[in-house]
């Protein structure tokens, strides 16, 4: 397990701002960060919003689901259906792409994203 050091927890939004089993986007500095409310699993995730395949800011609008026997949480780009692990950021479509992932915590209805 990776130890997270020097994490700044940034208030991203209120939990009610993110649709159940969907995503929303926040901006932090020059970065767009996609936040996902995977309510079917009772889990929250965050990744970069930029899909590396065609360089489009679109992942927050992607479909979330589970992949394979391990039921790994994933997001699919809404344009070209490349899928990425919400845990590792690895491309699950067999392509050599990777997305950045961020830790998320929800406290008293507020969603925080951990920025290193």
C-alpha atoms as a PDB file:
ATOM      1  CA  UNK A   1       0.000   0.000   0.000  1.00  0.00           C
ATOM      2  CA  UNK A   2       1.286   3.433  -0.946  1.00  0.00           C
ATOM      3  CA  UNK A   3       1.722   5.949   1.883  1.00  0.00           C
ATOM      4  CA  UNK A   4       0.337   9.367   1.089  1.00  0.00           C
ATOM      5  CA  UNK A   5       2.572  12.117   2.408  1.00  0.00           C
ATOM      6  CA  UNK A   6       2.273  15.851   2.032  1.00  0.00           C
ATOM      7  CA  UNK A   7      -1.356  15.734   0.907  1.00  0.00           C
ATOM      8  CA  UNK A   8      -3.355  18.952   0.838  1.00  0.00           C
ATOM      9  CA  UNK A   9      -7.083  18.227   1.166  1.00  0.00           C
ATOM     10  CA  UNK A  10      -8.929  20.654  -1.106  1.00  0.00           C
ATOM     11  CA  UNK A  11     -12.668  21.230  -0.790  1.00  0.00           C
ATOM     12  CA  UNK A  12     -14.010  20.187  -4.182  1.00  0.00           C
ATOM     13  CA  UNK A  13     -17.776  20.428  -3.777  1.00  0.00           C
ATOM     14  CA  UNK A  14     -20.732  19.235  -1.750  1.00  0.00           C
ATOM     15  CA  UNK A  15     -21.676  15.565  -2.051  1.00  0.00           C
ATOM     16  CA  UNK A  16     -25.087  16.613  -3.387  1.00  0.00           C
ATOM     17  CA  UNK A  17     -23.350  18.378  -6.311  1.00  0.00           C
ATOM     18  CA  UNK A  18     -22.218  15.053  -7.826  1.00  0.00           C
ATOM     19  CA  UNK A  19     -24.932  12.850  -9.337  1.00  0.00           C
ATOM     20  CA  UNK A  20     -25.281   9.319  -7.986  1.00  0.00           C
ATOM     21  CA  UNK A  21     -23.321   6.871 -10.146  1.00  0.00           C
ATOM     22  CA  UNK A  22     -21.947   9.780 -12.146  1.00  0.00           C
ATOM     23  CA  UNK A  23     -19.311  12.457 -12.159  1.00  0.00           C
ATOM     24  CA  UNK A  24     -18.634  16.170 -11.943  1.00  0.00           C
ATOM     25  CA  UNK A  25     -15.601  18.340 -12.579  1.00  0.00           C
ATOM     26  CA  UNK A  26     -13.656  20.794 -10.458  1.00  0.00           C
ATOM     27  CA  UNK A  27     -10.774  23.065 -11.323  1.00  0.00           C
ATOM     28  CA  UNK A  28      -7.703  23.333  -9.122  1.00  0.00           C
ATOM     29  CA  UNK A  29      -5.113  25.723 -10.485  1.00  0.00           C
ATOM     30  CA  UNK A  30      -4.603  24.701 -14.101  1.00  0.00           C
ATOM     31  CA  UNK A  31      -5.892  21.161 -13.546  1.00  0.00           C
ATOM     32  CA  UNK A  32      -9.392  19.839 -14.156  1.00  0.00           C
ATOM     33  CA  UNK A  33     -10.238  16.994 -11.784  1.00  0.00           C
ATOM     34  CA  UNK A  34     -13.116  14.588 -12.323  1.00  0.00           C
ATOM     35  CA  UNK A  35     -14.945  13.432  -9.174  1.00  0.00           C
ATOM     36  CA  UNK A  36     -17.107  10.302  -9.223  1.00  0.00           C
ATOM     37  CA  UNK A  37     -19.885   9.302  -6.830  1.00  0.00           C
ATOM     38  CA  UNK A  38     -20.014   5.532  -7.304  1.00  0.00           C
ATOM     39  CA  UNK A  39     -23.069   5.208  -5.063  1.00  0.00           C
ATOM     40  CA  UNK A  40     -23.799   1.606  -6.113  1.00  0.00           C
ATOM     41  CA  UNK A  41     -20.544   0.726  -4.346  1.00  0.00           C
ATOM     42  CA  UNK A  42     -20.692   3.441  -1.681  1.00  0.00           C
ATOM     43  CA  UNK A  43     -17.356   4.804  -2.928  1.00  0.00           C
ATOM     44  CA  UNK A  44     -15.890   8.068  -4.238  1.00  0.00           C
ATOM     45  CA  UNK A  45     -13.041   8.486  -6.724  1.00  0.00           C
ATOM     46  CA  UNK A  46     -11.167  11.312  -8.469  1.00  0.00           C
ATOM     47  CA  UNK A  47      -9.018  11.373 -11.606  1.00  0.00           C
ATOM     48  CA  UNK A  48      -7.702  13.864 -14.079  1.00  0.00           C
ATOM     49  CA  UNK A  49     -10.511  15.026 -16.358  1.00  0.00           C
ATOM     50  CA  UNK A  50      -8.328  14.896 -19.473  1.00  0.00           C
ATOM     51  CA  UNK A  51      -8.720  11.724 -21.529  1.00  0.00           C
ATOM     52  CA  UNK A  52      -5.209  11.001 -22.830  1.00  0.00           C
ATOM     53  CA  UNK A  53      -6.502   9.247 -25.951  1.00  0.00           C
ATOM     54  CA  UNK A  54      -7.751  12.322 -27.844  1.00  0.00           C
ATOM     55  CA  UNK A  55      -6.763  14.992 -25.290  1.00  0.00           C
ATOM     56  CA  UNK A  56     -10.376  15.912 -24.435  1.00  0.00           C
ATOM     57  CA  UNK A  57     -11.614  17.177 -21.064  1.00  0.00           C
ATOM     58  CA  UNK A  58     -14.351  14.578 -20.818  1.00  0.00           C
ATOM     59  CA  UNK A  59     -13.793  11.887 -18.199  1.00  0.00           C
ATOM     60  CA  UNK A  60     -16.138  13.490 -15.646  1.00  0.00           C
ATOM     61  CA  UNK A  61     -18.949  12.817 -18.139  1.00  0.00           C
ATOM     62  CA  UNK A  62     -17.940   9.191 -18.657  1.00  0.00           C
ATOM     63  CA  UNK A  63     -19.851   6.111 -17.564  1.00  0.00           C
ATOM     64  CA  UNK A  64     -18.647   4.369 -14.427  1.00  0.00           C
ATOM     65  CA  UNK A  65     -18.888   0.650 -13.784  1.00  0.00           C
ATOM     66  CA  UNK A  66     -16.857  -2.407 -12.829  1.00  0.00           C
ATOM     67  CA  UNK A  67     -14.376  -4.423 -14.879  1.00  0.00           C
ATOM     68  CA  UNK A  68     -13.505  -8.109 -14.845  1.00  0.00           C
ATOM     69  CA  UNK A  69     -13.774 -10.754 -12.183  1.00  0.00           C
ATOM     70  CA  UNK A  70     -12.201  -8.444  -9.620  1.00  0.00           C
ATOM     71  CA  UNK A  71     -14.979  -5.891 -10.222  1.00  0.00           C
ATOM     72  CA  UNK A  72     -12.389  -3.120 -10.450  1.00  0.00           C
ATOM     73  CA  UNK A  73     -14.098   0.304 -10.586  1.00  0.00           C
ATOM     74  CA  UNK A  74     -13.614   2.003 -13.956  1.00  0.00           C
ATOM     75  CA  UNK A  75     -14.635   5.001 -16.043  1.00  0.00           C
ATOM     76  CA  UNK A  76     -15.186   4.956 -19.808  1.00  0.00           C
ATOM     77  CA  UNK A  77     -14.483   8.064 -21.883  1.00  0.00           C
ATOM     78  CA  UNK A  78     -17.822   9.217 -23.301  1.00  0.00           C
ATOM     79  CA  UNK A  79     -16.339   9.784 -26.778  1.00  0.00           C
ATOM     80  CA  UNK A  80     -14.175   6.782 -27.652  1.00  0.00           C
ATOM     81  CA  UNK A  81     -14.972   4.344 -24.806  1.00  0.00           C
ATOM     82  CA  UNK A  82     -11.393   3.913 -23.596  1.00  0.00           C
ATOM     83  CA  UNK A  83     -11.723   2.615 -20.032  1.00  0.00           C
ATOM     84  CA  UNK A  84      -9.511   3.472 -17.068  1.00  0.00           C
ATOM     85  CA  UNK A  85      -9.181   2.062 -13.559  1.00  0.00           C
ATOM     86  CA  UNK A  86     -10.473   4.496 -10.947  1.00  0.00           C
ATOM     87  CA  UNK A  87      -7.922   3.031  -8.520  1.00  0.00           C
ATOM     88  CA  UNK A  88      -4.660   2.869 -10.491  1.00  0.00           C
ATOM     89  CA  UNK A  89      -5.438   5.032 -13.529  1.00  0.00           C
ATOM     90  CA  UNK A  90      -4.320   2.197 -15.837  1.00  0.00           C
ATOM     91  CA  UNK A  91      -6.018   1.936 -19.230  1.00  0.00           C
ATOM     92  CA  UNK A  92      -8.157  -1.216 -19.166  1.00  0.00           C
ATOM     93  CA  UNK A  93      -8.753  -1.145 -22.934  1.00  0.00           C
ATOM     94  CA  UNK A  94      -5.320  -2.593 -23.685  1.00  0.00           C
ATOM     95  CA  UNK A  95      -3.819   0.720 -24.769  1.00  0.00           C
ATOM     96  CA  UNK A  96      -0.686   2.346 -23.373  1.00  0.00           C
ATOM     97  CA  UNK A  97      -2.450   5.227 -21.600  1.00  0.00           C
ATOM     98  CA  UNK A  98      -2.515   6.199 -17.924  1.00  0.00           C
ATOM     99  CA  UNK A  99      -4.529   8.786 -16.008  1.00  0.00           C
ATOM    100  CA  UNK A 100      -3.721  10.436 -12.710  1.00  0.00           C
ATOM    101  CA  UNK A 101      -5.838   9.455  -9.711  1.00  0.00           C
ATOM    102  CA  UNK A 102      -6.427  11.356  -6.474  1.00  0.00           C
ATOM    103  CA  UNK A 103      -7.551  10.291  -3.008  1.00  0.00           C
ATOM    104  CA  UNK A 104     -11.041  11.421  -1.988  1.00  0.00           C
ATOM    105  CA  UNK A 105     -12.772  11.785   1.344  1.00  0.00           C
ATOM    106  CA  UNK A 106     -16.277  12.925   2.231  1.00  0.00           C
ATOM    107  CA  UNK A 107     -16.761  14.657   5.564  1.00  0.00           C
ATOM    108  CA  UNK A 108     -20.117  16.031   6.718  1.00  0.00           C
ATOM    109  CA  UNK A 109     -21.444  16.201   3.164  1.00  0.00           C
ATOM    110  CA  UNK A 110     -18.360  17.918   1.732  1.00  0.00           C
ATOM    111  CA  UNK A 111     -16.102  16.219  -0.836  1.00  0.00           C
ATOM    112  CA  UNK A 112     -12.347  16.740  -0.499  1.00  0.00           C
ATOM    113  CA  UNK A 113      -9.696  15.774  -3.040  1.00  0.00           C
ATOM    114  CA  UNK A 114      -6.131  15.092  -1.938  1.00  0.00           C
ATOM    115  CA  UNK A 115      -3.547  17.042  -3.924  1.00  0.00           C
ATOM    116  CA  UNK A 116       0.112  16.041  -3.536  1.00  0.00           C
END
